[in-house]
Amino acid sequence: MNTLMEISFLLRGELKGDPNTPVLGVNSLERAGASEIAFLAKRDAEPSAIQAAALVVARDNPIEYPNLVYVDDPYLAFAQLLEHFFPARPCCTGVNDSARVDVDARLGQNVRLGAFVEVGAAASIGDDTEIHSGCVVYPGAVIGRSCLVYANVVIREGVVIGDHCIIHAGAVIGSDGFGFSRDSGGIPRKIPQKGKVIIGDHCEIGANTCIDRSTIEETRLENHVKLDNLVQVGHNCRIGSGSTISALTGISGSVDVGRNVIMGGQVGIADHLRIADGVMIAGKTGVSGHIKKRGIIAGNPHMDLRGWRRMHALLRNLDDYYARIRELEKQIKELEAK
């Protein structure tokens, strides 16, 4: 059990209320009970409907409540509380008897391998990394320290993964890039994909996401990149640090994505494009040209968000405009006939 004072110290917050209030857990605002703490993101909540033992709020929130912990960012504080009350527990310990580790592979200290994991020759796995059942680490692949790799992930040869990365189930990293050239008879001939995939520190790769190896150089994800489930990253791409990409997005080959770019779901990006730092791309946007400066982009083909909104406002009224034009044409013909 924690007291509210201990929770306040954990969050580096400012406490208003009873420091000895017991806090047994964390829950949503709607479901938190008399022994749980919740966070308040909005400023217009009704205190009478809240049953929580205490609330974590922004420092400028004017809400009146018996127990409050003021912090800079309530949502990040909520993440800290989740980690505190639900600490990560290893899924496996040691190396499972059914795992196959090549004699030339290198395992760091406290590496944990689940059932039927296969680690190829000259592969390297860093200290405190945990790999769950059914994963395949190809020869020469490198995985850093304190990584968590969920079940049935494939990490191909020539892949280098940094420290503190999370790779969710079914992801494939280092598969061949989609490179073909047609011969004189029009038959597509495979171009060998012999490059690498380099993934920085603190990256997270979603379930069933695929990151293709480059043709000869490297596909690179810089530090703190976060990919959702079912994202496709083509060969020779670079994803800048801090960028987040939502589910079902497809990035064609040789795209250079800047730092801190945010992509909604189902975005499609054509090949060999450059996306500037800090760009936000709305869901289902089709990017067909370079985006040279920071802004919010939407539509297919892509355009500035304000332009996209104006266009859709016009489209919503298109039937009315058409009817009015037809009526004007009719009146003009009647005038001309006189």
Protein backbone atom coordinates (compact mmCIF):
# COMPACT_ATOMS: atom_id res chain seq x y z
CA MET A 1 0.00 0.00 0.00
CA ASN A 2 1.13 3.54 -0.75
CA THR A 3 0.14 6.75 0.93
CA LEU A 4 -0.79 9.79 -1.09
CA MET A 5 2.40 11.49 0.09
CA GLU A 6 4.47 8.66 -1.40
CA ILE A 7 2.56 8.93 -4.67
CA SER A 8 3.17 12.67 -4.72
CA PHE A 9 6.92 12.10 -4.29
CA LEU A 10 6.85 9.50 -7.06
CA LEU A 11 5.24 11.96 -9.47
CA ARG A 12 7.28 14.94 -8.22
CA GLY A 13 3.97 16.65 -7.71
CA GLU A 14 2.51 19.15 -5.27
CA LEU A 15 0.05 17.63 -2.80
CA LYS A 16 -3.11 19.27 -1.57
CA GLY A 17 -5.07 17.16 0.90
CA ASP A 18 -4.45 14.35 3.39
CA PRO A 19 -0.93 12.92 2.92
CA ASN A 20 -1.86 9.72 4.79
CA THR A 21 -4.67 8.75 2.43
CA PRO A 22 -4.08 5.10 1.36
CA VAL A 23 -3.74 4.50 -2.37
CA LEU A 24 -4.04 0.87 -3.47
CA GLY A 25 -4.18 1.31 -7.22
CA VAL A 26 -4.87 3.47 -10.27
CA ASN A 27 -7.96 3.50 -12.44
CA SER A 28 -9.89 5.59 -14.94
CA LEU A 29 -11.73 8.65 -13.71
CA GLU A 30 -15.09 6.95 -14.24
CA ARG A 31 -14.19 3.73 -12.41
CA ALA A 32 -11.75 4.75 -9.71
CA GLY A 33 -12.94 3.80 -6.23
CA ALA A 34 -12.27 5.17 -2.76
CA SER A 35 -8.80 3.59 -2.56
CA GLU A 36 -7.65 4.40 -6.11
CA ILE A 37 -6.09 7.41 -7.80
CA ALA A 38 -7.15 8.75 -11.21
CA PHE A 39 -5.96 11.48 -13.54
CA LEU A 40 -8.01 14.36 -14.84
CA ALA A 41 -7.21 15.54 -18.34
CA LYS A 42 -10.17 17.89 -18.80
CA ARG A 43 -10.91 21.00 -16.78
CA ASP A 44 -14.72 20.68 -16.78
CA ALA A 45 -15.22 17.48 -14.74
CA GLU A 46 -17.98 17.39 -12.15
CA PRO A 47 -16.39 16.57 -8.75
CA SER A 48 -19.61 15.19 -7.29
CA ALA A 49 -19.52 12.30 -9.79
CA ILE A 50 -15.95 11.28 -8.88
CA GLN A 51 -15.30 8.55 -6.28
CA ALA A 52 -11.48 8.39 -6.46
CA ALA A 53 -9.29 8.72 -3.38
CA ALA A 54 -7.29 11.41 -5.17
CA LEU A 55 -6.87 13.08 -8.54
CA VAL A 56 -3.76 13.91 -10.53
CA VAL A 57 -4.33 17.25 -12.26
CA ALA A 58 -2.43 19.94 -14.14
CA ARG A 59 -0.95 22.68 -11.98
CA ASP A 60 -3.36 25.29 -13.34
CA ASN A 61 -6.51 23.17 -12.96
CA PRO A 62 -9.04 25.05 -10.78
CA ILE A 63 -11.02 21.97 -9.68
CA GLU A 64 -11.95 21.67 -6.01
CA TYR A 65 -11.49 18.16 -4.60
CA PRO A 66 -10.39 16.79 -1.19
CA ASN A 67 -7.13 15.23 -2.43
CA LEU A 68 -5.21 16.58 -5.41
CA VAL A 69 -1.71 16.01 -6.79
CA TYR A 70 -0.62 18.84 -9.09
CA VAL A 71 1.82 17.89 -11.88
CA ASP A 72 3.12 19.37 -15.11
CA ASP A 73 1.58 16.69 -17.35
CA PRO A 74 -1.25 14.54 -15.92
CA TYR A 75 -1.13 12.05 -18.79
CA LEU A 76 2.58 11.33 -18.32
CA ALA A 77 1.97 11.07 -14.59
CA PHE A 78 -0.75 8.52 -15.31
CA ALA A 79 1.81 6.50 -17.30
CA GLN A 80 4.14 6.58 -14.27
CA LEU A 81 1.33 5.33 -12.05
CA LEU A 82 0.56 2.47 -14.43
CA GLU A 83 4.22 1.41 -14.36
CA HIS A 84 4.26 1.69 -10.57
CA PHE A 85 1.11 -0.33 -9.87
CA PHE A 86 1.51 -2.78 -12.78
CA PRO A 87 5.28 -3.44 -12.98
CA ALA A 88 6.55 -5.48 -15.89
CA ARG A 89 7.10 -9.13 -15.02
CA PRO A 90 9.29 -11.47 -17.08
CA CYS A 91 7.34 -13.91 -19.22
CA CYS A 92 10.19 -16.38 -19.17
CA THR A 93 13.34 -17.02 -17.13
CA GLY A 94 16.65 -18.23 -18.45
CA VAL A 95 16.89 -20.05 -21.78
CA ASN A 96 14.09 -22.52 -22.44
CA ASP A 97 15.22 -26.09 -23.12
CA SER A 98 13.54 -26.02 -26.54
CA ALA A 99 15.35 -22.85 -27.69
CA ARG A 100 18.12 -23.34 -30.25
CA VAL A 101 21.12 -21.05 -29.85
CA ASP A 102 24.03 -21.39 -32.24
CA VAL A 103 27.39 -21.99 -30.59
CA ASP A 104 28.74 -18.83 -32.25
CA ALA A 105 25.90 -16.62 -31.00
CA ARG A 106 26.55 -14.26 -28.09
CA LEU A 107 24.05 -13.90 -25.25
CA GLY A 108 24.51 -11.14 -22.67
CA GLN A 109 23.79 -11.43 -19.00
CA ASN A 110 20.24 -12.27 -17.88
CA VAL A 111 18.99 -12.91 -21.43
CA ARG A 112 15.65 -14.75 -21.38
CA LEU A 113 14.54 -16.93 -24.30
CA GLY A 114 11.11 -18.56 -24.52
CA ALA A 115 10.12 -21.86 -26.08
CA PHE A 116 11.31 -22.62 -29.61
CA VAL A 117 13.30 -19.41 -30.05
CA GLU A 118 16.06 -19.77 -32.62
CA VAL A 119 19.22 -17.66 -32.55
CA GLY A 120 21.57 -17.97 -35.52
CA ALA A 121 25.34 -17.96 -35.83
CA ALA A 122 27.15 -14.73 -34.86
CA ALA A 123 23.91 -13.16 -33.66
CA SER A 124 24.22 -10.99 -30.55
CA ILE A 125 21.63 -10.33 -27.85
CA GLY A 126 22.31 -7.71 -25.17
CA ASP A 127 21.96 -7.90 -21.41
CA ASP A 128 18.47 -8.19 -19.87
CA THR A 129 16.71 -8.71 -23.19
CA GLU A 130 13.65 -10.98 -23.22
CA ILE A 131 12.52 -12.86 -26.35
CA HIS A 132 9.26 -14.77 -26.31
CA SER A 133 8.23 -18.05 -27.92
CA GLY A 134 8.67 -18.77 -31.60
CA CYS A 135 10.95 -15.87 -32.50
CA VAL A 136 13.73 -16.29 -35.06
CA VAL A 137 16.91 -14.22 -34.86
CA TYR A 138 18.85 -14.78 -38.06
CA PRO A 139 22.65 -15.14 -38.23
CA GLY A 140 24.52 -11.91 -37.60
CA ALA A 141 21.53 -9.96 -36.27
CA VAL A 142 22.18 -7.70 -33.28
CA ILE A 143 19.68 -6.90 -30.52
CA GLY A 144 20.63 -4.40 -27.82
CA ARG A 145 20.14 -4.30 -24.06
CA SER A 146 16.84 -4.43 -22.17
CA CYS A 147 14.70 -5.13 -25.22
CA LEU A 148 11.38 -6.96 -25.18
CA VAL A 149 10.50 -9.08 -28.21
CA TYR A 150 7.06 -10.66 -28.23
CA ALA A 151 6.11 -14.00 -29.81
CA ASN A 152 6.72 -14.98 -33.44
CA VAL A 153 8.88 -12.03 -34.42
CA VAL A 154 11.38 -12.52 -37.26
CA ILE A 155 14.62 -10.53 -37.16
CA ARG A 156 16.60 -11.13 -40.32
CA GLU A 157 20.32 -11.06 -41.00
CA GLY A 158 21.88 -7.60 -41.17
CA VAL A 159 19.43 -6.10 -38.67
CA VAL A 160 20.76 -4.01 -35.79
CA ILE A 161 18.34 -3.10 -33.00
CA GLY A 162 19.29 -0.60 -30.29
CA ASP A 163 18.66 -0.65 -26.54
CA HIS A 164 15.30 -0.54 -24.73
CA CYS A 165 13.21 -1.43 -27.78
CA ILE A 166 9.84 -3.20 -27.79
CA ILE A 167 8.85 -5.36 -30.77
CA HIS A 168 5.32 -6.71 -30.77
CA ALA A 169 4.12 -10.11 -31.96
CA GLY A 170 4.43 -11.06 -35.60
CA ALA A 171 6.64 -8.18 -36.71
CA VAL A 172 9.14 -8.90 -39.48
CA ILE A 173 12.28 -6.76 -39.53
CA GLY A 174 14.69 -7.00 -42.42
CA SER A 175 12.53 -8.72 -45.03
CA ASP A 176 13.56 -8.13 -48.64
CA GLY A 177 12.65 -4.76 -50.08
CA PHE A 178 10.16 -4.76 -52.95
CA GLY A 179 12.70 -4.21 -55.73
CA PHE A 180 12.19 -5.52 -59.27
CA SER A 181 13.24 -4.58 -62.77
CA ARG A 182 11.55 -5.77 -65.96
CA ASP A 183 13.60 -7.50 -68.62
CA SER A 184 13.18 -7.09 -72.36
CA GLY A 185 10.26 -9.50 -72.28
CA GLY A 186 8.46 -7.54 -69.59
CA ILE A 187 9.11 -10.14 -66.90
CA PRO A 188 9.82 -8.67 -63.43
CA ARG A 189 13.27 -9.74 -62.24
CA LYS A 190 14.21 -9.53 -58.57
CA ILE A 191 16.88 -7.03 -57.55
CA PRO A 192 18.82 -8.59 -54.64
CA GLN A 193 18.25 -6.74 -51.39
CA LYS A 194 21.57 -6.88 -49.55
CA GLY A 195 21.40 -3.85 -47.25
CA LYS A 196 20.58 -3.51 -43.57
CA VAL A 197 17.94 -2.31 -41.15
CA ILE A 198 19.21 -0.10 -38.32
CA ILE A 199 16.82 0.65 -35.45
CA GLY A 200 17.77 3.16 -32.75
CA ASP A 201 17.21 3.14 -29.01
CA HIS A 202 13.79 3.29 -27.32
CA CYS A 203 11.87 2.38 -30.46
CA GLU A 204 8.59 0.45 -30.48
CA ILE A 205 7.45 -1.70 -33.40
CA GLY A 206 3.77 -2.73 -33.55
CA ALA A 207 2.31 -6.16 -34.17
CA ASN A 208 2.64 -7.50 -37.74
CA THR A 209 4.56 -4.44 -38.86
CA CYS A 210 7.14 -5.00 -41.61
CA ILE A 211 10.36 -3.06 -42.10
CA ASP A 212 12.19 -3.92 -45.32
CA ARG A 213 15.94 -4.08 -45.70
CA SER A 214 17.56 -1.69 -48.16
CA THR A 215 18.96 -2.68 -51.53
CA ILE A 216 22.57 -1.86 -50.67
CA GLU A 217 22.65 0.79 -47.93
CA GLU A 218 20.29 0.83 -44.93
CA THR A 219 16.74 1.36 -43.82
CA ARG A 220 16.97 3.38 -40.61
CA LEU A 221 14.69 4.21 -37.70
CA GLU A 222 16.24 6.80 -35.43
CA ASN A 223 15.81 6.92 -31.65
CA HIS A 224 12.32 7.01 -30.07
CA VAL A 225 10.41 6.12 -33.25
CA LYS A 226 7.03 4.49 -32.54
CA LEU A 227 5.27 2.37 -35.17
CA ASP A 228 1.72 1.10 -34.68
CA ASN A 229 0.43 -2.30 -35.80
CA LEU A 230 0.40 -3.22 -39.51
CA VAL A 231 2.74 -0.50 -40.71
CA GLN A 232 4.83 -1.08 -43.84
CA VAL A 233 8.21 0.68 -44.11
CA GLY A 234 9.79 0.24 -47.53
CA HIS A 235 13.45 -0.25 -48.32
CA ASN A 236 15.98 2.58 -47.96
CA CYS A 237 13.63 4.69 -45.83
CA ARG A 238 14.74 6.88 -42.96
CA ILE A 239 12.32 7.68 -40.14
CA GLY A 240 13.48 10.62 -38.02
CA SER A 241 13.72 10.56 -34.24
CA GLY A 242 10.53 10.95 -32.24
CA SER A 243 8.21 10.23 -35.15
CA THR A 244 5.00 8.26 -34.56
CA ILE A 245 3.17 6.35 -37.31
CA SER A 246 -0.33 4.91 -36.89
CA ALA A 247 -1.74 1.61 -38.09
CA LEU A 248 -2.15 0.58 -41.73
CA THR A 249 0.22 3.24 -43.02
CA GLY A 250 2.35 2.32 -46.02
CA ILE A 251 5.64 4.12 -46.72
CA SER A 252 7.17 3.40 -50.12
CA GLY A 253 10.89 2.98 -50.71
CA SER A 254 13.50 5.70 -50.17
CA VAL A 255 11.22 8.06 -48.26
CA ASP A 256 12.99 10.42 -45.84
CA VAL A 257 10.72 11.23 -42.89
CA GLY A 258 11.87 14.07 -40.64
CA ARG A 259 11.96 14.27 -36.88
CA ASN A 260 8.80 14.34 -34.73
CA VAL A 261 6.49 13.64 -37.66
CA ILE A 262 3.02 12.34 -36.74
CA MET A 263 1.04 10.18 -39.18
CA GLY A 264 -2.57 9.11 -38.68
CA GLY A 265 -3.90 5.74 -39.76
CA GLN A 266 -3.97 4.51 -43.36
CA VAL A 267 -1.58 7.14 -44.70
CA GLY A 268 0.06 6.28 -48.02
CA ILE A 269 3.37 7.86 -49.09
CA ALA A 270 4.81 7.56 -52.59
CA ASP A 271 8.46 6.68 -53.08
CA HIS A 272 11.52 8.98 -52.93
CA LEU A 273 9.76 11.78 -51.03
CA ARG A 274 10.99 14.06 -48.25
CA ILE A 275 8.77 14.90 -45.28
CA ALA A 276 9.93 17.90 -43.22
CA ASP A 277 10.38 17.88 -39.45
CA GLY A 278 7.25 18.29 -37.34
CA VAL A 279 4.70 17.59 -40.08
CA MET A 280 1.32 16.15 -39.03
CA ILE A 281 -0.41 13.97 -41.63
CA ALA A 282 -4.12 13.21 -41.16
CA GLY A 283 -5.50 9.70 -41.51
CA LYS A 284 -6.07 8.33 -45.04
CA THR A 285 -3.92 11.05 -46.61
CA GLY A 286 -2.21 10.19 -49.88
CA VAL A 287 1.18 11.93 -50.04
CA SER A 288 2.32 12.27 -53.65
CA GLY A 289 4.95 15.01 -53.39
CA HIS A 290 7.55 16.49 -51.04
CA ILE A 291 6.31 18.24 -47.90
CA LYS A 292 8.89 20.97 -47.43
CA LYS A 293 7.73 22.73 -44.26
CA ARG A 294 5.98 22.03 -40.97
CA GLY A 295 2.21 21.95 -41.16
CA ILE A 296 -0.92 19.80 -41.03
CA ILE A 297 -1.60 17.83 -44.21
CA ALA A 298 -4.74 16.01 -45.31
CA GLY A 299 -6.52 14.65 -48.38
CA ASN A 300 -5.69 12.63 -51.46
CA PRO A 301 -3.74 14.07 -53.15
CA HIS A 302 -2.37 15.78 -50.07
CA MET A 303 -2.86 19.47 -49.37
CA ASP A 304 -2.81 21.93 -46.50
CA LEU A 305 -5.50 21.11 -43.94
CA ARG A 306 -7.29 24.45 -44.40
CA GLY A 307 -7.42 23.93 -48.16
CA TRP A 308 -8.75 20.41 -47.65
CA ARG A 309 -11.49 21.70 -45.36
CA ARG A 310 -12.49 24.39 -47.87
CA MET A 311 -12.64 21.82 -50.64
CA HIS A 312 -14.87 19.51 -48.62
CA ALA A 313 -17.14 22.39 -47.67
CA LEU A 314 -17.60 23.05 -51.38
CA LEU A 315 -18.17 19.36 -52.11
CA ARG A 316 -20.92 19.15 -49.50
CA ASN A 317 -22.79 21.93 -51.33
CA LEU A 318 -22.04 20.71 -54.84
CA ASP A 319 -25.59 19.51 -55.57
CA ASP A 320 -26.98 22.89 -54.55
CA TYR A 321 -24.43 24.74 -56.67
CA TYR A 322 -25.22 22.50 -59.64
CA ALA A 323 -28.95 23.15 -59.32
CA ARG A 324 -28.39 26.89 -59.06
CA ILE A 325 -26.15 26.90 -62.15
CA ARG A 326 -28.74 24.93 -64.13
CA GLU A 327 -31.40 27.41 -63.09
CA LEU A 328 -29.20 30.35 -64.13
CA GLU A 329 -28.51 28.69 -67.49
CA LYS A 330 -32.23 28.24 -67.97
CA GLN A 331 -32.91 31.91 -67.18
CA ILE A 332 -30.16 33.04 -69.57
CA LYS A 333 -31.62 30.96 -72.40
CA GLU A 334 -35.07 32.43 -71.74
CA LEU A 335 -33.65 35.95 -71.86
CA GLU A 336 -31.75 35.20 -75.06
CA ALA A 337 -34.92 33.83 -76.66
CA LYS A 338 -36.83 37.11 -76.13
